[in-house]
Protein backbone atom coordinates (compact mmCIF):
# COMPACT_ATOMS: atom_id res chain seq x y z
CA MET A 1 68.21 -158.06 17.13
CA LYS A 2 67.35 -155.07 18.98
CA THR A 3 69.93 -152.27 17.48
CA ILE A 4 70.79 -148.43 17.47
CA TYR A 5 72.07 -146.88 14.34
CA LEU A 6 73.40 -143.63 15.34
CA ASP A 7 73.39 -141.02 12.13
CA CYS A 8 76.94 -139.40 12.89
CA SER A 9 76.37 -137.49 9.63
CA MET A 10 77.54 -133.64 11.74
CA GLY A 11 79.46 -135.28 14.23
CA ALA A 12 78.89 -136.06 17.04
CA ALA A 13 78.99 -134.79 21.09
CA GLY A 14 78.11 -135.64 24.19
CA ASP A 15 74.81 -134.02 24.45
CA MET A 16 73.96 -134.65 21.00
CA LEU A 17 74.08 -138.55 21.64
CA THR A 18 72.23 -138.27 25.40
CA ALA A 19 69.79 -136.28 23.23
CA ALA A 20 69.17 -138.89 20.84
CA LEU A 21 69.37 -141.86 23.09
CA LEU A 22 66.78 -139.70 25.21
CA GLU A 23 64.31 -139.08 22.39
CA LEU A 24 64.15 -143.24 21.63
CA LEU A 25 62.19 -143.82 25.28
CA PRO A 26 58.68 -143.69 25.59
CA ASP A 27 58.86 -141.56 29.38
CA PRO A 28 62.18 -139.04 28.77
CA ALA A 29 60.98 -136.09 31.45
CA CYS A 30 61.02 -139.68 33.93
CA PHE A 31 64.57 -140.46 32.76
CA VAL A 32 65.85 -136.65 33.07
CA GLU A 33 64.19 -136.07 36.38
CA LYS A 34 66.35 -139.46 36.98
CA LEU A 35 69.37 -137.74 35.91
CA ASN A 36 69.09 -135.40 38.15
CA ARG A 37 68.76 -137.81 41.30
CA LEU A 38 71.75 -139.06 40.42
CA GLY A 39 74.03 -135.94 43.01
CA ILE A 40 76.50 -135.17 40.14
CA PRO A 41 77.46 -132.42 42.70
CA GLY A 42 76.40 -129.01 41.11
CA VAL A 43 75.11 -130.76 37.63
CA GLU A 44 71.32 -130.12 36.66
CA TYR A 45 70.33 -131.63 33.59
CA ARG A 46 67.70 -130.12 31.31
CA ALA A 47 66.18 -131.06 28.09
CA GLU A 48 65.07 -128.79 25.78
CA PRO A 49 63.28 -128.85 22.51
CA SER A 50 64.68 -127.17 18.91
CA VAL A 51 64.13 -126.70 16.11
CA LYS A 52 67.72 -127.35 12.97
CA CYS A 53 66.61 -126.78 9.57
CA GLY A 54 62.53 -127.17 10.25
CA ILE A 55 63.70 -130.55 11.98
CA THR A 56 62.29 -130.64 15.61
CA GLY A 57 64.60 -132.44 18.47
CA THR A 58 66.12 -132.31 21.96
CA HIS A 59 69.22 -130.15 23.15
CA MET A 60 70.58 -131.27 26.47
CA ARG A 61 71.80 -128.69 27.98
CA VAL A 62 73.82 -128.95 31.90
CA ILE A 63 73.92 -126.42 33.92
CA VAL A 64 76.25 -126.46 36.27
CA HIS A 65 76.41 -124.66 39.87
CA GLY A 66 74.11 -122.50 38.07
CA LEU A 67 76.59 -121.62 35.33
CA GLU A 68 76.56 -122.66 31.47
CA GLU A 69 78.74 -121.52 28.19
CA GLU A 70 78.12 -118.50 26.61
CA PRO A 71 75.69 -119.38 23.39
CA GLY A 72 77.28 -116.68 21.48
CA ALA A 73 80.85 -117.85 22.17
CA GLY A 74 83.53 -119.85 20.04
CA ILE A 75 87.00 -119.46 18.23
CA GLU A 76 85.90 -119.05 14.77
CA HIS A 77 87.76 -121.16 12.43
CA GLN A 78 90.38 -119.03 10.37
CA GLY A 79 89.26 -117.73 7.44
CA SER A 80 85.82 -119.26 7.60
CA GLY A 81 83.63 -117.02 9.51
CA ILE A 82 82.03 -120.41 11.15
CA LYS A 83 82.38 -121.46 14.78
CA ASP A 84 84.00 -124.76 16.29
CA GLN A 85 81.80 -126.97 17.61
CA GLY A 86 84.33 -128.13 20.52
CA SER A 87 88.10 -127.71 21.21
CA GLY A 88 89.07 -130.92 21.08
CA ASP A 89 92.07 -130.32 23.69
CA TYR A 90 91.12 -131.99 26.90
CA LEU A 91 95.05 -132.51 28.20
CA HIS A 92 95.31 -130.12 31.63
CA GLN A 93 98.72 -129.17 32.08
CA HIS A 94 98.96 -128.73 35.65
CA VAL A 95 98.66 -124.84 35.20
CA HIS A 96 97.07 -123.11 37.93
CA HIS A 97 95.76 -119.94 36.69
CA HIS A 98 94.82 -120.69 33.73
CA GLU A 99 93.54 -118.96 30.02
CA HIS A 100 90.88 -120.33 28.72
CA GLU A 101 92.17 -120.10 24.46
CA HIS A 102 88.73 -121.76 23.43
CA GLU A 103 85.08 -122.06 23.79
CA HIS A 104 82.70 -124.28 22.04
CA GLU A 105 79.37 -124.33 20.76
CA HIS A 106 78.74 -127.76 22.58
CA GLU A 107 78.22 -126.01 25.68
CA HIS A 108 78.83 -128.70 28.03
CA GLU A 109 82.04 -129.75 27.48
CA HIS A 110 83.20 -126.71 28.82
CA GLU A 111 85.28 -126.30 31.90
CA TYR A 112 83.35 -123.31 33.76
CA ALA A 113 85.58 -123.25 36.81
CA HIS A 114 89.14 -124.86 36.68
CA GLU A 115 89.78 -125.55 40.26
CA HIS A 116 85.95 -126.85 40.71
CA THR A 117 85.65 -127.60 44.36
CA HIS A 118 82.51 -128.80 46.59
CA GLU A 119 81.84 -130.13 50.02
CA HIS A 120 80.91 -133.68 50.43
CA ASP A 121 79.07 -134.91 53.51
CA HIS A 122 82.40 -136.25 55.05
CA GLY A 123 84.37 -132.68 54.63
CA HIS A 124 86.51 -133.95 52.88
CA HIS A 125 86.79 -129.95 50.86
CA HIS A 126 88.82 -128.93 47.79
CA HIS A 127 88.58 -132.59 45.87
CA HIS A 128 89.20 -132.73 42.58
CA HIS A 129 88.25 -134.78 39.83
CA ASN A 130 90.63 -134.16 37.00
CA ASP A 131 92.31 -137.59 36.60
CA LEU A 132 91.48 -140.49 36.56
CA HIS A 133 92.18 -141.60 40.24
CA GLY A 134 89.10 -138.40 41.36
CA ILE A 135 86.92 -139.39 38.46
CA GLY A 136 87.32 -143.25 39.70
CA HIS A 137 86.05 -141.62 43.62
CA LEU A 138 83.71 -139.61 42.06
CA VAL A 139 82.33 -142.31 40.45
CA ARG A 140 81.95 -144.82 42.38
CA ASP A 141 81.20 -143.28 45.81
CA HIS A 142 79.11 -139.87 45.51
CA MET A 143 76.62 -140.95 42.12
CA GLY A 144 74.86 -144.05 42.86
CA LEU A 145 75.06 -145.93 39.88
CA PRO A 146 74.75 -149.99 39.03
CA GLU A 147 78.13 -150.86 39.27
CA ALA A 148 77.74 -152.29 35.06
CA VAL A 149 77.16 -148.10 34.44
CA GLN A 150 80.67 -147.72 36.72
CA LYS A 151 82.65 -149.47 34.61
CA ASP A 152 81.48 -148.19 31.85
CA VAL A 153 82.18 -144.48 32.34
CA LEU A 154 85.31 -145.55 33.85
CA ALA A 155 86.26 -147.63 31.05
CA VAL A 156 85.29 -144.34 28.65
CA TYR A 157 87.29 -141.79 30.39
CA GLY A 158 90.15 -144.68 30.34
CA LEU A 159 90.03 -144.61 26.56
CA ILE A 160 90.33 -140.42 26.24
CA ALA A 161 93.33 -141.23 28.73
CA GLN A 162 95.06 -143.34 26.28
CA ALA A 163 94.47 -141.29 23.26
CA GLU A 164 95.69 -138.32 25.60
CA SER A 165 98.65 -140.30 26.79
CA LYS A 166 99.88 -141.11 23.30
CA VAL A 167 99.20 -137.35 21.87
CA HIS A 168 101.35 -135.78 25.26
CA GLY A 169 104.37 -138.09 25.96
CA VAL A 170 102.55 -138.37 29.14
CA PRO A 171 102.07 -141.22 31.10
CA VAL A 172 98.28 -142.30 31.81
CA GLU A 173 98.81 -142.27 35.71
CA GLU A 174 99.94 -138.15 35.35
CA ILE A 175 96.55 -137.65 32.82
CA HIS A 176 94.59 -134.27 33.99
CA PHE A 177 91.79 -133.65 32.61
CA HIS A 178 91.57 -130.13 31.07
CA GLU A 179 87.52 -129.96 30.08
CA VAL A 180 86.81 -134.19 30.16
CA GLY A 181 87.65 -133.85 34.09
CA THR A 182 85.00 -131.16 34.68
CA MET A 183 81.00 -131.70 35.90
CA ASP A 184 79.77 -131.10 32.84
CA ALA A 185 81.71 -133.95 30.49
CA VAL A 186 80.90 -136.10 33.63
CA ALA A 187 77.41 -135.50 32.97
CA ASP A 188 77.41 -136.43 29.88
CA VAL A 189 79.20 -139.70 29.89
CA THR A 190 77.29 -140.55 32.47
CA ALA A 191 74.02 -139.66 30.97
CA VAL A 192 75.43 -142.13 28.02
CA CYS A 193 76.39 -144.62 29.51
CA LEU A 194 73.24 -144.72 31.77
CA LEU A 195 70.97 -144.05 28.69
CA MET A 196 72.62 -147.80 26.87
CA ARG A 197 71.82 -149.77 29.94
CA GLU A 198 68.18 -148.53 29.84
CA LEU A 199 67.23 -149.37 26.01
CA SER A 200 69.77 -152.45 26.19
CA PRO A 201 70.48 -152.71 22.49
CA GLU A 202 71.63 -155.95 21.22
CA GLN A 203 74.14 -153.96 19.37
CA VAL A 204 74.88 -150.44 18.45
CA LEU A 205 75.97 -150.07 14.97
CA ALA A 206 76.64 -145.97 13.13
CA SER A 207 77.45 -144.60 9.97
CA PRO A 208 80.92 -143.12 9.20
CA VAL A 209 81.36 -139.97 11.03
CA HIS A 210 82.02 -136.40 10.01
CA VAL A 211 84.62 -134.54 11.38
CA GLY A 212 83.98 -131.45 10.32
CA ALA A 213 87.37 -129.56 8.23
CA GLY A 214 90.23 -127.02 8.69
CA GLN A 215 92.05 -125.70 12.17
CA VAL A 216 90.88 -125.73 15.27
CA ARG A 217 92.56 -123.38 18.48
CA CYS A 218 92.93 -125.37 21.66
CA ALA A 219 95.12 -124.47 24.09
CA HIS A 220 98.18 -125.52 23.01
CA GLY A 221 97.66 -124.09 19.27
CA VAL A 222 96.44 -124.29 15.99
CA MET A 223 95.88 -127.61 15.74
CA PRO A 224 94.19 -129.95 12.44
CA VAL A 225 90.54 -131.07 12.85
CA PRO A 226 89.92 -133.61 13.98
CA ALA A 227 92.01 -132.26 16.56
CA PRO A 228 94.91 -135.43 17.42
CA ALA A 229 92.92 -136.36 20.78
CA THR A 230 89.84 -137.36 18.69
CA ALA A 231 92.03 -138.56 15.82
CA GLU A 232 93.38 -140.96 17.98
CA LEU A 233 90.02 -141.90 19.53
CA LEU A 234 88.73 -142.44 16.10
CA LYS A 235 91.99 -144.85 15.14
CA ASP A 236 90.07 -147.23 12.83
CA VAL A 237 87.10 -145.68 12.60
CA PRO A 238 85.59 -144.96 9.61
CA ILE A 239 85.51 -140.54 8.93
CA TYR A 240 85.12 -138.19 6.87
CA GLY A 241 85.52 -134.09 5.98
CA GLY A 242 83.31 -132.00 4.04
CA ALA A 243 82.38 -128.73 3.05
CA ILE A 244 82.05 -127.70 7.46
CA GLN A 245 85.05 -125.70 8.48
CA GLY A 246 85.53 -126.46 12.57
CA GLU A 247 85.47 -129.55 14.25
CA LEU A 248 81.96 -131.60 14.58
CA CYS A 249 83.29 -135.16 16.18
CA THR A 250 84.11 -133.59 19.97
CA PRO A 251 86.67 -136.66 22.17
CA THR A 252 84.03 -136.77 24.01
CA GLY A 253 81.32 -138.32 21.36
CA ALA A 254 84.12 -140.35 19.79
CA ALA A 255 85.51 -142.33 23.05
CA LEU A 256 81.62 -142.55 23.62
CA LEU A 257 80.95 -143.60 19.97
CA ARG A 258 84.53 -145.60 20.33
CA TYR A 259 83.11 -147.81 23.26
CA PHE A 260 79.84 -148.53 22.73
CA VAL A 261 79.13 -148.96 18.58
CA LYS A 262 80.68 -152.42 17.24
CA ARG A 263 80.06 -151.36 13.53
CA PHE A 264 80.60 -148.44 11.41
CA GLY A 265 79.40 -148.52 7.93
CA PRO A 266 76.26 -148.36 6.01
CA MET A 267 72.58 -148.96 7.67
CA PRO A 268 71.15 -152.53 7.53
CA PRO A 269 67.82 -153.49 7.16
CA LEU A 270 66.14 -152.05 10.10
CA ARG A 271 62.79 -152.29 11.33
CA ILE A 272 62.07 -149.15 12.97
CA ARG A 273 60.39 -148.67 16.36
CA ALA A 274 61.63 -145.43 17.48
CA LEU A 275 63.51 -142.14 16.99
CA GLY A 276 65.75 -139.57 17.90
CA TYR A 277 67.75 -136.04 16.84
CA GLY A 278 70.01 -135.16 19.58
CA MET A 279 70.23 -131.19 18.77
CA GLY A 280 74.02 -129.78 18.82
CA LYS A 281 73.96 -126.06 19.60
CA LYS A 282 75.58 -124.28 16.86
CA ASP A 283 73.33 -123.94 13.18
CA PHE A 284 74.72 -124.57 9.81
CA PRO A 285 73.09 -125.27 6.64
CA ALA A 286 72.97 -128.70 7.56
CA THR A 287 70.54 -130.03 10.48
CA ASN A 288 72.92 -130.23 13.44
CA CYS A 289 71.87 -132.95 14.88
CA VAL A 290 73.09 -137.32 15.94
CA ARG A 291 69.88 -139.14 14.64
CA ALA A 292 69.37 -141.91 16.58
CA LEU A 293 67.76 -145.27 15.22
CA LEU A 294 66.00 -148.15 17.75
CA GLY A 295 64.78 -151.57 15.54
CA GLU A 296 65.26 -155.26 15.11
CA THR A 297 67.64 -156.12 12.52
CA GLU A 298 67.15 -159.69 11.10
CA GLU A 299 70.61 -160.63 11.26
CA GLY A 300 73.31 -161.21 14.61
CA LEU A 301 76.04 -159.20 13.60
CA GLY A 302 77.92 -159.32 16.41
CA HIS A 303 78.47 -157.36 20.18
CA SER A 304 78.44 -154.19 21.07
CA GLY A 305 82.71 -152.29 21.92
CA GLY A 306 82.05 -151.82 25.20
CA ARG A 307 79.91 -153.67 26.99
CA SER A 308 79.47 -157.48 27.23
CA MET A 309 76.39 -158.36 25.18
CA SER A 310 75.39 -161.63 23.47
CA ALA A 311 74.86 -161.57 19.89
CA PRO A 312 72.11 -163.80 19.12
CA THR A 313 72.24 -165.76 15.99
CA ALA A 314 69.98 -167.26 13.66
CA GLU A 315 68.33 -170.75 13.89
CA ASN A 316 70.77 -173.12 15.34
CA GLY A 317 74.15 -170.61 15.47
CA ALA A 318 73.74 -170.66 11.48
CA ASP A 319 73.29 -167.54 9.63
CA LYS A 320 74.03 -166.68 5.38
CA VAL A 321 76.83 -164.65 3.94
CA VAL A 322 78.30 -163.71 0.24
CA GLU A 323 81.77 -164.63 0.07
CA LEU A 324 82.91 -161.86 -2.83
CA ALA A 325 85.89 -163.23 -5.04
CA CYS A 326 88.54 -161.63 -7.97
CA ASN A 327 91.72 -162.96 -9.38
CA LEU A 328 94.63 -160.54 -9.30
CA ASP A 329 98.23 -160.83 -11.09
CA ASP A 330 99.25 -156.87 -11.32
CA MET A 331 98.53 -155.60 -8.15
CA SER A 332 101.41 -154.59 -5.61
CA GLY A 333 101.20 -155.78 -1.68
CA GLU A 334 100.83 -152.62 0.00
CA ALA A 335 98.01 -151.72 -2.77
CA LEU A 336 96.52 -155.03 -1.34
CA GLY A 337 97.04 -154.23 2.31
CA PHE A 338 95.34 -150.61 1.13
CA ALA A 339 92.00 -152.52 -0.79
CA ALA A 340 91.59 -155.41 2.33
CA GLU A 341 91.75 -152.01 4.96
CA ARG A 342 89.02 -150.16 3.03
CA LEU A 343 86.45 -153.20 2.56
CA LEU A 344 86.70 -154.02 6.37
CA GLU A 345 86.33 -150.10 7.18
CA ALA A 346 83.46 -150.63 4.67
CA GLY A 347 81.44 -152.95 6.87
CA ALA A 348 83.28 -156.48 5.49
CA LEU A 349 83.09 -159.21 8.09
CA ASP A 350 86.29 -160.54 6.76
CA VAL A 351 88.55 -160.22 4.11
CA TRP A 352 91.83 -162.03 3.17
CA THR A 353 94.25 -163.18 0.09
CA GLN A 354 95.50 -166.80 -1.40
CA ALA A 355 98.52 -166.88 -3.52
CA ILE A 356 97.41 -168.86 -6.74
CA GLY A 357 98.43 -169.64 -10.17
CA MET A 358 97.40 -167.54 -12.92
CA LYS A 359 97.42 -168.28 -17.05
CA LYS A 360 100.49 -167.61 -18.73
CA SER A 361 101.94 -169.18 -15.40
CA ARG A 362 101.90 -166.57 -13.87
CA PRO A 363 101.69 -166.38 -9.81
CA GLY A 364 98.75 -164.07 -8.12
CA VAL A 365 96.28 -163.52 -5.44
CA MET A 366 92.75 -164.59 -5.34
CA PHE A 367 91.38 -161.81 -3.00
CA SER A 368 88.65 -162.66 -0.76
CA VAL A 369 85.95 -160.71 1.08
CA LEU A 370 83.07 -162.00 3.38
CA CYS A 371 80.19 -159.79 3.56
CA LYS A 372 76.53 -159.61 4.67
CA PRO A 373 73.60 -160.38 1.93
CA GLU A 374 72.50 -156.97 1.99
CA ASP A 375 75.75 -155.51 1.30
CA ARG A 376 77.12 -157.62 -1.57
CA ASP A 377 76.75 -154.43 -4.04
CA ALA A 378 78.40 -152.26 -1.96
CA MET A 379 81.30 -154.46 -1.46
CA THR A 380 81.38 -155.46 -4.33
CA SER A 381 81.21 -151.45 -5.90
CA LEU A 382 84.13 -151.19 -3.29
CA LEU A 383 85.84 -154.60 -5.24
CA PHE A 384 85.63 -152.58 -8.35
CA ARG A 385 87.00 -149.45 -6.68
CA TYR A 386 90.09 -150.27 -5.09
CA THR A 387 91.59 -153.18 -7.42
CA THR A 388 92.37 -153.64 -10.61
CA THR A 389 89.95 -157.10 -11.01
CA LEU A 390 87.75 -156.37 -14.35
CA GLY A 391 85.20 -159.07 -12.81
CA VAL A 392 83.77 -160.61 -9.36
CA ARG A 393 82.38 -163.12 -8.45
CA SER A 394 79.99 -164.62 -5.74
CA CYS A 395 78.30 -167.19 -3.34
CA VAL A 396 75.64 -167.13 -0.75
CA LYS A 397 77.10 -169.50 1.75
CA GLN A 398 75.59 -170.56 5.43
CA ARG A 399 78.28 -170.67 8.41
CA SER A 400 78.20 -171.27 11.84
CA VAL A 401 78.81 -169.05 14.21
CA LEU A 402 80.00 -168.47 18.04
CA ASP A 403 77.92 -166.28 20.60
CA ARG A 404 80.13 -163.22 20.92
CA SER A 405 80.61 -161.03 23.82
CA ILE A 406 83.49 -158.62 24.63
CA GLU A 407 83.55 -157.53 28.26
CA THR A 408 85.34 -154.56 28.51
CA ARG A 409 87.64 -154.30 32.28
CA GLN A 410 89.45 -151.70 34.30
CA THR A 411 93.14 -152.86 34.89
CA ALA A 412 96.40 -151.53 36.86
CA PHE A 413 97.14 -151.25 32.81
CA GLY A 414 94.16 -149.52 31.26
CA PRO A 415 90.91 -150.61 30.22
CA LEU A 416 91.13 -154.14 28.60
CA ARG A 417 88.87 -155.95 26.32
CA LEU A 418 87.51 -159.33 27.05
CA LYS A 419 86.77 -161.04 24.78
CA ARG A 420 84.49 -164.09 24.75
CA ALA A 421 82.82 -166.56 22.56
CA SER A 422 79.89 -170.20 23.61
CA GLY A 423 78.07 -172.14 21.76
CA PHE A 424 78.08 -175.89 20.04
CA GLY A 425 79.61 -177.17 23.51
CA VAL A 426 82.15 -175.00 23.35
CA LYS A 427 83.29 -172.15 26.04
CA ARG A 428 86.04 -169.89 24.82
CA GLU A 429 87.83 -166.52 25.61
CA LYS A 430 90.75 -163.81 25.18
CA TYR A 431 91.94 -160.95 25.04
CA GLU A 432 92.41 -158.36 22.38
CA TYR A 433 95.31 -158.35 20.74
CA GLU A 434 95.23 -154.49 20.63
CA ASP A 435 95.11 -154.10 24.22
CA LEU A 436 97.45 -157.29 24.80
CA ALA A 437 100.37 -155.47 22.61
CA ARG A 438 99.51 -151.87 24.18
CA ILE A 439 100.82 -153.20 27.35
CA ALA A 440 103.63 -155.21 25.59
CA LYS A 441 104.89 -152.09 24.28
CA GLU A 442 104.67 -150.32 27.43
CA GLN A 443 106.27 -153.17 29.83
CA GLY A 444 108.68 -153.88 27.17
CA LEU A 445 107.22 -157.89 27.00
CA SER A 446 106.77 -160.09 24.27
CA LEU A 447 103.29 -160.79 23.86
CA ASP A 448 103.50 -164.10 25.77
CA ALA A 449 105.01 -162.12 28.62
CA ALA A 450 102.26 -159.50 28.54
CA ARG A 451 99.18 -161.68 28.67
CA GLU A 452 101.22 -163.73 30.92
CA LEU A 453 101.10 -160.47 33.90
CA VAL A 454 97.57 -160.09 32.59
CA ARG A 455 96.39 -163.14 33.74
CA GLU A 456 98.38 -163.18 37.01
CA ALA A 457 97.13 -159.76 37.86
CA MET A 458 93.00 -160.41 37.29
CA ILE A 459 93.68 -163.65 39.09
CA ASN A 460 95.25 -161.80 42.26
CA LEU A 461 92.27 -158.36 41.20
CA GLU A 462 89.54 -161.49 41.98
CA GLU A 463 91.07 -163.10 45.16
CA PRO A 464 89.89 -161.94 48.17
């Protein structure tokens, strides 16, 4: 299976992801020319060599109306003397004369002109792109993007808008982007979406994400790392801090990872075909880059998180899995739930419990984990770490699976993921539970009523 694995051990930002994926192409310079022909107002892409800790990679610069962030600019982490990679605060609160309280090292996630204006051939002056409507207008009407890429770009912005809405308590339709809505960030998101389509992986995987540590100063004040919007976007994604003080993962980077990555965890066995190093601006003791590996994996691990991609499986729709199990009679329900969450975050295919009777007539629980054969040792180690078991049983099983894909649809209720499965003469589809639950909460409906509301909305959307 054609796979991209992203090493996010130094976080992720839009420019780093762009540069890393660009290096996977046989002719990066030709693709940069293609980006510059998109016609993003005032934007010029420049891919330049960059060396970090002796490793050569690419740094992607985005020039907006001839300007870019000064290399030395940045807000220093309190007490550390290390400047943060990103700001993390992307909501603009309708302030018409706004002083920037922060700048960051990933230079093109910074807003250069608060009220960016440009002229179009149709004479529309002073058009703003700082809300979802404006972003949609720009993406659909002025960039010449394929329809599939338009959907990807708007879906990424939809994720950011949902995160900002929750963090700031503002309805999605009232969200006005600060940095994310500017041309440099539009350039980052568009470039990554185009590169993913160009590379056409069958799945995108990533390591747990290093978010940095400490605090970051944003327009709303001093906030913990990861910043609130970034943390919201990285829900259910395995993240960690470390010795590096500052923000390593930006909201744009988090949204792109959330949209495209199917699974976060250790790198699977991979026959590497190409490597890419996307360099950040700042120098750290560790190589400040996102590393992208393009290659072939043997196991069908499912679909990528944001686009409609089928998941080829082994011959006749079957593959091998390992089932691990242990019996427990001295753990609380909370502890069992915590253990299950940790194993799923680490890449377990499934985790479940079953009530059993044990020796001395004690009620107990059989704790079971399904994983890939190459993950057996790692999952066994986690079982010993997070449960009280003294022994873990394992067996290899054959399973039959349906081909699966996910399509993200833009609706009046925000991005909505439709999950499809087919094979063995059957076809199924359903909307992602978390998306339906969100709509149900926002509309004050039951889950079934929200499902029916979405169904009717999609029927109306498809009617001519």
